[in-house]
Amino acid sequence: MSVYYPGCTTSQADPICTDCPTKELGDIRSFFFVRDTFTFTDITSTAEWTTGLNAKDIFVFPFARGSIEMAENLQPGFGDTLETLDGYEFTSTIFEPNYKANCNFWNDIKRSKEWKFGYRTETQVHLSDSIATIIPKAPIVDDKKQAVIWNAIVKFTQEDIPCPSDQPTGVFDRCIGIN
């Protein structure tokens, strides 16, 4: 008896075409960590961010810089398919200036296996679906004029590219105290 595998049935979003697309400027300008047990129902809601911050389920670094790279994760294909795209490996390099004050934070979070990684570009926030590996570094260069800052590498792997959402009001424009 033959078995027929019809393939994966997926939904397909319609493409959007506009003569005047809204541009989003790059650079990671802020980043954040979200505990894997915390779920946003609306990531644009300032109230949800405040709840997460007060519960220490979210840590926000509003004044930072960085970048993110993504590499495709290809698997051998079957039949006439040479390869299949299995997802992406993301690597972010982030810089944070609070060297002395955040030493304990970075030393603790590097051991944790419960944080998703998020970042803000010009006006949009992005959040990983999976838990991140966090590798903090504080290199000291041979330059008396250059400050020592945190230089962390954050890695995560997931099937899809994080989609942008509008940033919440009042979360990334100042340091927020935790109650």
N, C-alpha and C. Protein backbone atom coordinates (compact mmCIF):
# COMPACT_ATOMS: atom_id res chain seq x y z
N MET A 1 0.85 -1.18 0.00
CA MET A 1 0.00 0.00 0.00
C MET A 1 0.89 1.24 0.00
N SER A 2 0.58 2.18 -0.85
CA SER A 2 1.33 3.42 -0.93
C SER A 2 0.76 4.44 0.05
N VAL A 3 1.66 5.25 0.57
CA VAL A 3 1.27 6.35 1.45
C VAL A 3 1.63 7.64 0.74
N TYR A 4 0.70 8.57 0.70
CA TYR A 4 0.94 9.86 0.05
C TYR A 4 1.00 10.94 1.11
N TYR A 5 2.09 11.69 1.11
CA TYR A 5 2.27 12.83 2.01
C TYR A 5 2.03 14.10 1.22
N PRO A 6 0.89 14.72 1.39
CA PRO A 6 0.56 15.88 0.56
C PRO A 6 1.37 17.13 0.84
N GLY A 7 2.18 17.14 1.85
CA GLY A 7 2.95 18.34 2.17
C GLY A 7 2.34 19.08 3.34
N CYS A 8 3.00 20.12 3.71
CA CYS A 8 2.55 20.92 4.85
C CYS A 8 1.51 21.92 4.37
N THR A 9 0.39 21.93 5.05
CA THR A 9 -0.62 22.92 4.75
C THR A 9 -0.38 24.11 5.66
N THR A 10 -0.15 25.25 5.06
CA THR A 10 0.09 26.46 5.83
C THR A 10 -0.81 27.57 5.32
N SER A 11 -1.04 28.52 6.18
CA SER A 11 -1.75 29.72 5.74
C SER A 11 -0.72 30.68 5.15
N GLN A 12 -1.16 31.51 4.26
CA GLN A 12 -0.26 32.46 3.62
C GLN A 12 -0.81 33.86 3.81
N ALA A 13 -0.04 34.71 4.48
CA ALA A 13 -0.45 36.10 4.64
C ALA A 13 -0.34 36.80 3.28
N ASP A 14 -1.26 37.71 3.01
CA ASP A 14 -1.20 38.49 1.78
C ASP A 14 -0.11 39.55 1.89
N PRO A 15 0.63 39.79 0.82
CA PRO A 15 1.64 40.85 0.86
C PRO A 15 0.96 42.22 0.83
N ILE A 16 1.63 43.18 1.39
CA ILE A 16 1.15 44.56 1.40
C ILE A 16 2.01 45.34 0.42
N CYS A 17 1.36 46.09 -0.45
CA CYS A 17 2.09 46.90 -1.41
C CYS A 17 1.66 48.35 -1.24
N THR A 18 2.64 49.21 -1.07
CA THR A 18 2.36 50.64 -0.96
C THR A 18 3.49 51.41 -1.63
N ASP A 19 3.13 52.52 -2.23
CA ASP A 19 4.14 53.36 -2.87
C ASP A 19 4.96 54.15 -1.85
N CYS A 20 4.42 54.30 -0.65
CA CYS A 20 5.09 55.10 0.38
C CYS A 20 5.21 54.28 1.68
N PRO A 21 6.10 53.30 1.70
CA PRO A 21 6.22 52.50 2.93
C PRO A 21 6.81 53.33 4.07
N THR A 22 6.40 53.00 5.27
CA THR A 22 6.96 53.63 6.45
C THR A 22 8.34 53.03 6.69
N LYS A 23 9.33 53.88 6.83
CA LYS A 23 10.68 53.40 7.07
C LYS A 23 10.91 53.25 8.57
N GLU A 24 11.61 52.21 8.92
CA GLU A 24 12.03 51.99 10.31
C GLU A 24 13.56 52.03 10.31
N LEU A 25 14.11 52.93 11.10
CA LEU A 25 15.56 53.06 11.16
C LEU A 25 16.14 52.04 12.13
N GLY A 26 17.32 51.58 11.83
CA GLY A 26 17.96 50.50 12.56
C GLY A 26 18.68 50.92 13.81
N ASP A 27 19.53 50.05 14.26
CA ASP A 27 20.29 50.10 15.50
C ASP A 27 19.39 49.63 16.63
N ILE A 28 19.87 48.74 17.42
CA ILE A 28 19.16 48.41 18.66
C ILE A 28 19.42 49.58 19.59
N ARG A 29 18.34 50.27 19.94
CA ARG A 29 18.45 51.49 20.76
C ARG A 29 18.15 51.21 22.23
N SER A 30 17.39 50.14 22.45
CA SER A 30 17.05 49.68 23.79
C SER A 30 16.93 48.16 23.69
N PHE A 31 17.08 47.50 24.81
CA PHE A 31 16.82 46.06 24.82
C PHE A 31 16.16 45.70 26.14
N PHE A 32 15.62 44.49 26.18
CA PHE A 32 14.92 44.05 27.38
C PHE A 32 14.92 42.54 27.46
N PHE A 33 14.71 42.04 28.66
CA PHE A 33 14.59 40.62 28.91
C PHE A 33 13.21 40.38 29.52
N VAL A 34 12.53 39.33 29.05
CA VAL A 34 11.20 38.98 29.54
C VAL A 34 11.25 37.54 30.04
N ARG A 35 10.83 37.34 31.28
CA ARG A 35 10.80 35.98 31.85
C ARG A 35 9.88 35.11 31.00
N ASP A 36 10.27 33.88 30.76
CA ASP A 36 9.51 33.00 29.87
C ASP A 36 8.11 32.68 30.39
N THR A 37 7.85 32.91 31.68
CA THR A 37 6.51 32.67 32.23
C THR A 37 5.58 33.88 32.08
N PHE A 38 6.14 35.01 31.65
CA PHE A 38 5.33 36.23 31.45
C PHE A 38 4.87 36.27 29.99
N THR A 39 3.58 36.50 29.80
CA THR A 39 3.02 36.56 28.46
C THR A 39 2.30 37.89 28.26
N PHE A 40 2.67 38.58 27.18
CA PHE A 40 1.96 39.80 26.81
C PHE A 40 0.66 39.42 26.10
N THR A 41 -0.43 40.08 26.46
CA THR A 41 -1.63 39.97 25.62
C THR A 41 -1.62 41.09 24.60
N ASP A 42 -0.95 42.20 24.96
CA ASP A 42 -0.78 43.33 24.05
C ASP A 42 0.57 43.99 24.37
N ILE A 43 1.57 43.69 23.57
CA ILE A 43 2.93 44.17 23.84
C ILE A 43 3.03 45.69 23.73
N THR A 44 2.03 46.35 23.17
CA THR A 44 2.03 47.81 23.06
C THR A 44 1.43 48.48 24.30
N SER A 45 0.92 47.69 25.24
CA SER A 45 0.25 48.23 26.43
C SER A 45 1.25 48.63 27.51
N THR A 46 1.29 49.89 27.84
CA THR A 46 2.17 50.38 28.91
C THR A 46 1.81 49.74 30.24
N ALA A 47 0.54 49.49 30.48
CA ALA A 47 0.09 48.87 31.73
C ALA A 47 0.68 47.46 31.88
N GLU A 48 0.73 46.69 30.82
CA GLU A 48 1.31 45.35 30.89
C GLU A 48 2.80 45.41 31.17
N TRP A 49 3.48 46.36 30.54
CA TRP A 49 4.91 46.54 30.80
C TRP A 49 5.13 46.91 32.27
N THR A 50 4.31 47.81 32.81
CA THR A 50 4.44 48.23 34.21
C THR A 50 4.24 47.04 35.14
N THR A 51 3.24 46.20 34.85
CA THR A 51 3.00 45.00 35.65
C THR A 51 4.21 44.08 35.62
N GLY A 52 4.75 43.85 34.43
CA GLY A 52 5.92 42.98 34.29
C GLY A 52 7.16 43.55 34.96
N LEU A 53 7.35 44.85 34.85
CA LEU A 53 8.50 45.50 35.50
C LEU A 53 8.40 45.40 37.02
N ASN A 54 7.22 45.67 37.56
CA ASN A 54 7.04 45.63 39.01
C ASN A 54 7.19 44.22 39.57
N ALA A 55 6.84 43.21 38.78
CA ALA A 55 6.97 41.82 39.21
C ALA A 55 8.37 41.27 38.94
N LYS A 56 9.24 42.09 38.37
CA LYS A 56 10.59 41.68 37.96
C LYS A 56 10.55 40.54 36.93
N ASP A 57 9.50 40.57 36.10
CA ASP A 57 9.37 39.64 34.98
C ASP A 57 9.90 40.28 33.69
N ILE A 58 10.20 41.57 33.75
CA ILE A 58 10.77 42.30 32.62
C ILE A 58 11.88 43.20 33.17
N PHE A 59 13.01 43.21 32.47
CA PHE A 59 14.08 44.16 32.76
C PHE A 59 14.34 44.95 31.48
N VAL A 60 14.28 46.27 31.58
CA VAL A 60 14.44 47.15 30.42
C VAL A 60 15.73 47.95 30.54
N PHE A 61 16.46 48.02 29.45
CA PHE A 61 17.64 48.86 29.33
C PHE A 61 17.32 49.90 28.25
N PRO A 62 16.79 51.06 28.65
CA PRO A 62 16.29 52.02 27.66
C PRO A 62 17.39 52.71 26.86
N PHE A 63 18.57 52.84 27.44
CA PHE A 63 19.65 53.57 26.78
C PHE A 63 20.79 52.59 26.49
N ALA A 64 20.78 52.07 25.28
CA ALA A 64 21.76 51.06 24.89
C ALA A 64 22.04 51.22 23.40
N ARG A 65 22.83 50.33 22.89
CA ARG A 65 23.02 50.26 21.45
C ARG A 65 23.40 48.83 21.11
N GLY A 66 23.26 48.50 19.82
CA GLY A 66 23.62 47.15 19.44
C GLY A 66 23.14 46.80 18.05
N SER A 67 23.30 45.53 17.73
CA SER A 67 22.89 45.01 16.42
C SER A 67 22.42 43.58 16.59
N ILE A 68 21.78 43.07 15.54
CA ILE A 68 21.36 41.66 15.55
C ILE A 68 21.60 41.08 14.16
N GLU A 69 22.13 39.89 14.15
CA GLU A 69 22.38 39.15 12.91
C GLU A 69 21.54 37.89 12.95
N MET A 70 21.18 37.40 11.79
CA MET A 70 20.46 36.13 11.74
C MET A 70 21.06 35.24 10.68
N ALA A 71 21.23 33.97 11.04
CA ALA A 71 21.76 32.98 10.11
C ALA A 71 20.71 31.90 9.93
N GLU A 72 20.51 31.48 8.70
CA GLU A 72 19.51 30.46 8.43
C GLU A 72 19.99 29.11 8.94
N ASN A 73 19.04 28.31 9.41
CA ASN A 73 19.32 26.96 9.86
C ASN A 73 18.70 26.02 8.83
N LEU A 74 19.52 25.49 7.92
CA LEU A 74 19.05 24.64 6.84
C LEU A 74 19.25 23.18 7.18
N GLN A 75 18.29 22.35 6.81
CA GLN A 75 18.35 20.91 7.01
C GLN A 75 18.34 20.22 5.65
N PRO A 76 18.92 19.02 5.54
CA PRO A 76 18.86 18.30 4.27
C PRO A 76 17.40 18.02 3.89
N GLY A 77 17.10 18.19 2.62
CA GLY A 77 15.75 17.95 2.14
C GLY A 77 15.52 16.50 1.77
N PHE A 78 14.32 16.20 1.34
CA PHE A 78 13.94 14.86 0.91
C PHE A 78 13.29 14.95 -0.46
N GLY A 79 13.36 13.88 -1.20
CA GLY A 79 12.79 13.88 -2.54
C GLY A 79 13.53 14.87 -3.41
N ASP A 80 12.80 15.71 -4.11
CA ASP A 80 13.42 16.69 -5.00
C ASP A 80 13.83 17.98 -4.28
N THR A 81 13.56 18.07 -3.00
CA THR A 81 13.91 19.26 -2.23
C THR A 81 15.33 19.12 -1.71
N LEU A 82 16.21 20.02 -2.13
CA LEU A 82 17.61 19.96 -1.73
C LEU A 82 17.79 20.26 -0.25
N GLU A 83 17.17 21.33 0.23
CA GLU A 83 17.27 21.74 1.63
C GLU A 83 15.94 22.33 2.07
N THR A 84 15.72 22.34 3.38
CA THR A 84 14.55 23.01 3.93
C THR A 84 15.02 24.00 5.00
N LEU A 85 14.33 25.10 5.08
CA LEU A 85 14.63 26.12 6.09
C LEU A 85 13.95 25.71 7.39
N ASP A 86 14.76 25.44 8.40
CA ASP A 86 14.25 24.96 9.68
C ASP A 86 14.09 26.09 10.69
N GLY A 87 14.62 27.25 10.41
CA GLY A 87 14.54 28.37 11.33
C GLY A 87 15.77 29.23 11.21
N TYR A 88 16.02 30.00 12.26
CA TYR A 88 17.13 30.95 12.25
C TYR A 88 17.85 30.91 13.58
N GLU A 89 19.14 31.20 13.52
CA GLU A 89 19.91 31.43 14.72
C GLU A 89 20.22 32.92 14.77
N PHE A 90 19.81 33.56 15.84
CA PHE A 90 19.98 35.00 16.00
C PHE A 90 21.13 35.26 16.97
N THR A 91 21.95 36.23 16.63
CA THR A 91 23.04 36.65 17.50
C THR A 91 23.00 38.17 17.59
N SER A 92 22.80 38.66 18.81
CA SER A 92 22.77 40.10 19.04
C SER A 92 23.97 40.50 19.88
N THR A 93 24.57 41.60 19.50
CA THR A 93 25.63 42.20 20.30
C THR A 93 25.06 43.51 20.85
N ILE A 94 25.04 43.60 22.16
CA ILE A 94 24.45 44.78 22.80
C ILE A 94 25.48 45.43 23.73
N PHE A 95 25.36 46.73 23.86
CA PHE A 95 26.28 47.51 24.69
C PHE A 95 25.46 48.29 25.72
N GLU A 96 25.92 48.22 26.98
CA GLU A 96 25.19 48.86 28.07
C GLU A 96 26.21 49.54 28.98
N PRO A 97 26.04 50.82 29.32
CA PRO A 97 27.10 51.60 29.95
C PRO A 97 27.22 51.52 31.47
N ASN A 98 26.33 50.85 32.17
CA ASN A 98 26.37 50.86 33.64
C ASN A 98 27.29 49.77 34.18
N TYR A 99 28.59 49.99 34.01
CA TYR A 99 29.60 48.97 34.28
C TYR A 99 29.56 48.48 35.74
N LYS A 100 29.81 49.33 36.67
CA LYS A 100 29.87 48.90 38.07
C LYS A 100 28.49 48.52 38.61
N ALA A 101 27.50 49.34 38.32
CA ALA A 101 26.17 49.15 38.90
C ALA A 101 25.50 47.84 38.47
N ASN A 102 25.79 47.36 37.27
CA ASN A 102 25.09 46.17 36.79
C ASN A 102 25.93 44.90 36.80
N CYS A 103 27.03 44.91 37.50
CA CYS A 103 27.89 43.72 37.54
C CYS A 103 27.13 42.50 38.08
N ASN A 104 26.44 42.63 39.19
CA ASN A 104 25.70 41.50 39.75
C ASN A 104 24.58 41.03 38.82
N PHE A 105 23.89 41.98 38.18
CA PHE A 105 22.84 41.61 37.23
C PHE A 105 23.38 40.71 36.13
N TRP A 106 24.45 41.14 35.47
CA TRP A 106 25.01 40.37 34.36
C TRP A 106 25.57 39.03 34.82
N ASN A 107 26.20 38.99 35.99
CA ASN A 107 26.71 37.73 36.50
C ASN A 107 25.59 36.75 36.83
N ASP A 108 24.46 37.24 37.28
CA ASP A 108 23.33 36.36 37.58
C ASP A 108 22.59 35.89 36.32
N ILE A 109 22.31 36.81 35.41
CA ILE A 109 21.49 36.46 34.25
C ILE A 109 22.20 35.50 33.29
N LYS A 110 23.51 35.49 33.30
CA LYS A 110 24.25 34.57 32.42
C LYS A 110 23.99 33.11 32.78
N ARG A 111 23.66 32.84 34.04
CA ARG A 111 23.39 31.47 34.50
C ARG A 111 21.93 31.07 34.32
N SER A 112 21.07 32.02 34.06
CA SER A 112 19.64 31.77 33.99
C SER A 112 19.22 31.15 32.66
N LYS A 113 18.21 30.34 32.71
CA LYS A 113 17.65 29.70 31.51
C LYS A 113 16.16 30.01 31.40
N GLU A 114 15.78 31.28 31.70
CA GLU A 114 14.37 31.61 31.72
C GLU A 114 14.02 32.95 31.07
N TRP A 115 14.95 33.53 30.29
CA TRP A 115 14.71 34.86 29.76
C TRP A 115 14.66 34.87 28.24
N LYS A 116 13.61 35.49 27.73
CA LYS A 116 13.53 35.79 26.30
C LYS A 116 14.18 37.15 26.09
N PHE A 117 14.64 37.40 24.88
CA PHE A 117 15.33 38.64 24.57
C PHE A 117 14.46 39.51 23.66
N GLY A 118 14.42 40.79 23.96
CA GLY A 118 13.69 41.74 23.12
C GLY A 118 14.55 42.96 22.86
N TYR A 119 14.20 43.65 21.80
CA TYR A 119 14.96 44.84 21.43
C TYR A 119 14.05 45.85 20.75
N ARG A 120 14.50 47.12 20.80
CA ARG A 120 13.75 48.23 20.19
C ARG A 120 14.61 48.86 19.12
N THR A 121 14.00 49.05 17.96
CA THR A 121 14.64 49.85 16.92
C THR A 121 14.08 51.27 17.07
N GLU A 122 13.94 52.01 15.99
CA GLU A 122 13.49 53.40 16.10
C GLU A 122 12.13 53.52 16.80
N THR A 123 11.12 52.80 16.35
CA THR A 123 9.76 52.93 16.91
C THR A 123 9.11 51.58 17.20
N GLN A 124 9.83 50.48 16.97
CA GLN A 124 9.24 49.15 17.07
C GLN A 124 9.97 48.30 18.11
N VAL A 125 9.21 47.41 18.76
CA VAL A 125 9.80 46.42 19.66
C VAL A 125 9.67 45.04 19.03
N HIS A 126 10.61 44.18 19.36
CA HIS A 126 10.66 42.82 18.84
C HIS A 126 10.99 41.91 20.02
N LEU A 127 10.37 40.73 20.10
CA LEU A 127 10.59 39.82 21.21
C LEU A 127 10.78 38.41 20.68
N SER A 128 11.79 37.72 21.19
CA SER A 128 12.03 36.34 20.77
C SER A 128 10.92 35.43 21.27
N ASP A 129 10.74 34.32 20.57
CA ASP A 129 9.79 33.29 21.00
C ASP A 129 10.45 32.31 21.95
N SER A 130 11.77 32.24 21.89
CA SER A 130 12.48 31.23 22.66
C SER A 130 13.42 31.87 23.68
N ILE A 131 13.87 31.06 24.60
CA ILE A 131 14.79 31.51 25.65
C ILE A 131 16.16 31.78 25.05
N ALA A 132 16.81 32.81 25.55
CA ALA A 132 18.10 33.24 25.02
C ALA A 132 19.25 32.76 25.90
N THR A 133 20.40 32.61 25.27
CA THR A 133 21.66 32.40 25.97
C THR A 133 22.33 33.77 26.05
N ILE A 134 22.72 34.16 27.25
CA ILE A 134 23.25 35.51 27.47
C ILE A 134 24.71 35.39 27.91
N ILE A 135 25.58 36.04 27.15
CA ILE A 135 27.02 35.96 27.37
C ILE A 135 27.56 37.37 27.62
N PRO A 136 27.59 37.81 28.89
CA PRO A 136 28.09 39.16 29.16
C PRO A 136 29.61 39.20 29.15
N LYS A 137 30.14 40.34 28.72
CA LYS A 137 31.57 40.60 28.73
C LYS A 137 31.76 42.06 29.13
N ALA A 138 32.89 42.34 29.73
CA ALA A 138 33.24 43.73 30.07
C ALA A 138 34.70 43.93 29.70
N PRO A 139 34.98 43.97 28.41
CA PRO A 139 36.38 44.09 28.00
C PRO A 139 36.97 45.46 28.37
N ILE A 140 38.22 45.42 28.72
CA ILE A 140 38.95 46.65 29.03
C ILE A 140 40.02 46.79 27.95
N VAL A 141 39.92 47.86 27.19
CA VAL A 141 40.85 48.06 26.08
C VAL A 141 42.03 48.92 26.52
N ASP A 142 43.07 48.87 25.75
CA ASP A 142 44.29 49.63 26.03
C ASP A 142 44.12 51.06 25.51
N ASP A 143 43.24 51.81 26.19
CA ASP A 143 42.94 53.18 25.77
C ASP A 143 42.42 53.94 26.99
N LYS A 144 43.18 54.87 27.48
CA LYS A 144 42.81 55.61 28.68
C LYS A 144 41.61 56.53 28.50
N LYS A 145 41.16 56.70 27.28
CA LYS A 145 40.02 57.58 27.00
C LYS A 145 38.73 56.81 26.73
N GLN A 146 38.78 55.49 26.75
CA GLN A 146 37.60 54.70 26.43
C GLN A 146 37.02 54.06 27.68
N ALA A 147 35.73 54.26 27.90
CA ALA A 147 35.06 53.75 29.08
C ALA A 147 34.88 52.23 29.01
N VAL A 148 34.82 51.63 30.18
CA VAL A 148 34.51 50.21 30.28
C VAL A 148 32.99 50.08 30.30
N ILE A 149 32.45 49.32 29.36
CA ILE A 149 31.00 49.13 29.27
C ILE A 149 30.71 47.63 29.09
N TRP A 150 29.48 47.26 29.38
CA TRP A 150 29.07 45.87 29.15
C TRP A 150 28.89 45.66 27.66
N ASN A 151 29.42 44.57 27.20
CA ASN A 151 29.38 44.18 25.80
C ASN A 151 28.87 42.74 25.82
N ALA A 152 27.56 42.55 25.71
CA ALA A 152 26.97 41.23 25.84
C ALA A 152 26.59 40.66 24.48
N ILE A 153 26.68 39.36 24.38
CA ILE A 153 26.21 38.64 23.20
C ILE A 153 25.00 37.84 23.65
N VAL A 154 23.92 37.96 22.89
CA VAL A 154 22.69 37.24 23.21
C VAL A 154 22.35 36.38 22.00
N LYS A 155 22.10 35.08 22.25
CA LYS A 155 21.79 34.16 21.16
C LYS A 155 20.48 33.45 21.43
N PHE A 156 19.70 33.26 20.37
CA PHE A 156 18.50 32.44 20.46
C PHE A 156 18.21 31.85 19.08
N THR A 157 17.49 30.75 19.08
CA THR A 157 17.13 30.06 17.85
C THR A 157 15.63 29.87 17.83
N GLN A 158 15.02 30.17 16.69
CA GLN A 158 13.59 29.96 16.55
C GLN A 158 13.22 29.86 15.09
N GLU A 159 11.99 29.42 14.84
CA GLU A 159 11.54 29.17 13.47
C GLU A 159 11.30 30.46 12.69
N ASP A 160 10.69 31.45 13.30
CA ASP A 160 10.31 32.67 12.59
C ASP A 160 11.15 33.87 13.01
N ILE A 161 11.15 34.87 12.16
CA ILE A 161 11.79 36.16 12.46
C ILE A 161 10.83 36.94 13.38
N PRO A 162 11.33 37.53 14.48
CA PRO A 162 10.43 38.31 15.34
C PRO A 162 9.77 39.45 14.56
N CYS A 163 8.46 39.53 14.65
CA CYS A 163 7.72 40.60 13.97
C CYS A 163 7.69 41.85 14.84
N PRO A 164 7.75 43.02 14.22
CA PRO A 164 7.74 44.26 14.99
C PRO A 164 6.35 44.61 15.50
N SER A 165 6.34 45.27 16.64
CA SER A 165 5.12 45.83 17.23
C SER A 165 5.43 47.26 17.64
N ASP A 166 4.43 48.12 17.63
CA ASP A 166 4.64 49.50 18.06
C ASP A 166 5.13 49.51 19.51
N GLN A 167 6.08 50.39 19.78
CA GLN A 167 6.61 50.46 21.14
C GLN A 167 5.57 51.06 22.08
N PRO A 168 5.54 50.61 23.32
CA PRO A 168 4.62 51.21 24.30
C PRO A 168 5.09 52.60 24.68
N THR A 169 4.18 53.43 25.09
CA THR A 169 4.49 54.80 25.50
C THR A 169 5.13 54.80 26.89
N GLY A 170 6.20 55.57 27.03
CA GLY A 170 6.79 55.80 28.35
C GLY A 170 7.69 54.70 28.89
N VAL A 171 7.97 53.67 28.11
CA VAL A 171 8.79 52.57 28.62
C VAL A 171 10.26 52.74 28.26
N PHE A 172 10.55 53.27 27.08
CA PHE A 172 11.92 53.32 26.60
C PHE A 172 12.53 54.72 26.57
N ASP A 173 11.85 55.70 27.16
CA ASP A 173 12.37 57.06 27.12
C ASP A 173 13.00 57.50 28.44
N ARG A 174 13.03 56.61 29.43
CA ARG A 174 13.63 56.95 30.72
C ARG A 174 13.87 55.66 31.50
N CYS A 175 14.68 55.76 32.54
CA CYS A 175 14.87 54.62 33.44
C CYS A 175 13.63 54.51 34.33
N ILE A 176 13.15 53.31 34.48
CA ILE A 176 11.93 53.09 35.26
C ILE A 176 12.31 52.37 36.54
N GLY A 177 11.93 52.95 37.68
CA GLY A 177 12.19 52.30 38.96
C GLY A 177 11.23 51.15 39.19
N ILE A 178 11.71 50.13 39.85
CA ILE A 178 10.89 48.97 40.17
C ILE A 178 10.35 49.14 41.57
N ASN A 179 9.02 48.96 41.72
CA ASN A 179 8.39 49.10 43.04
C ASN A 179 8.73 47.91 43.92
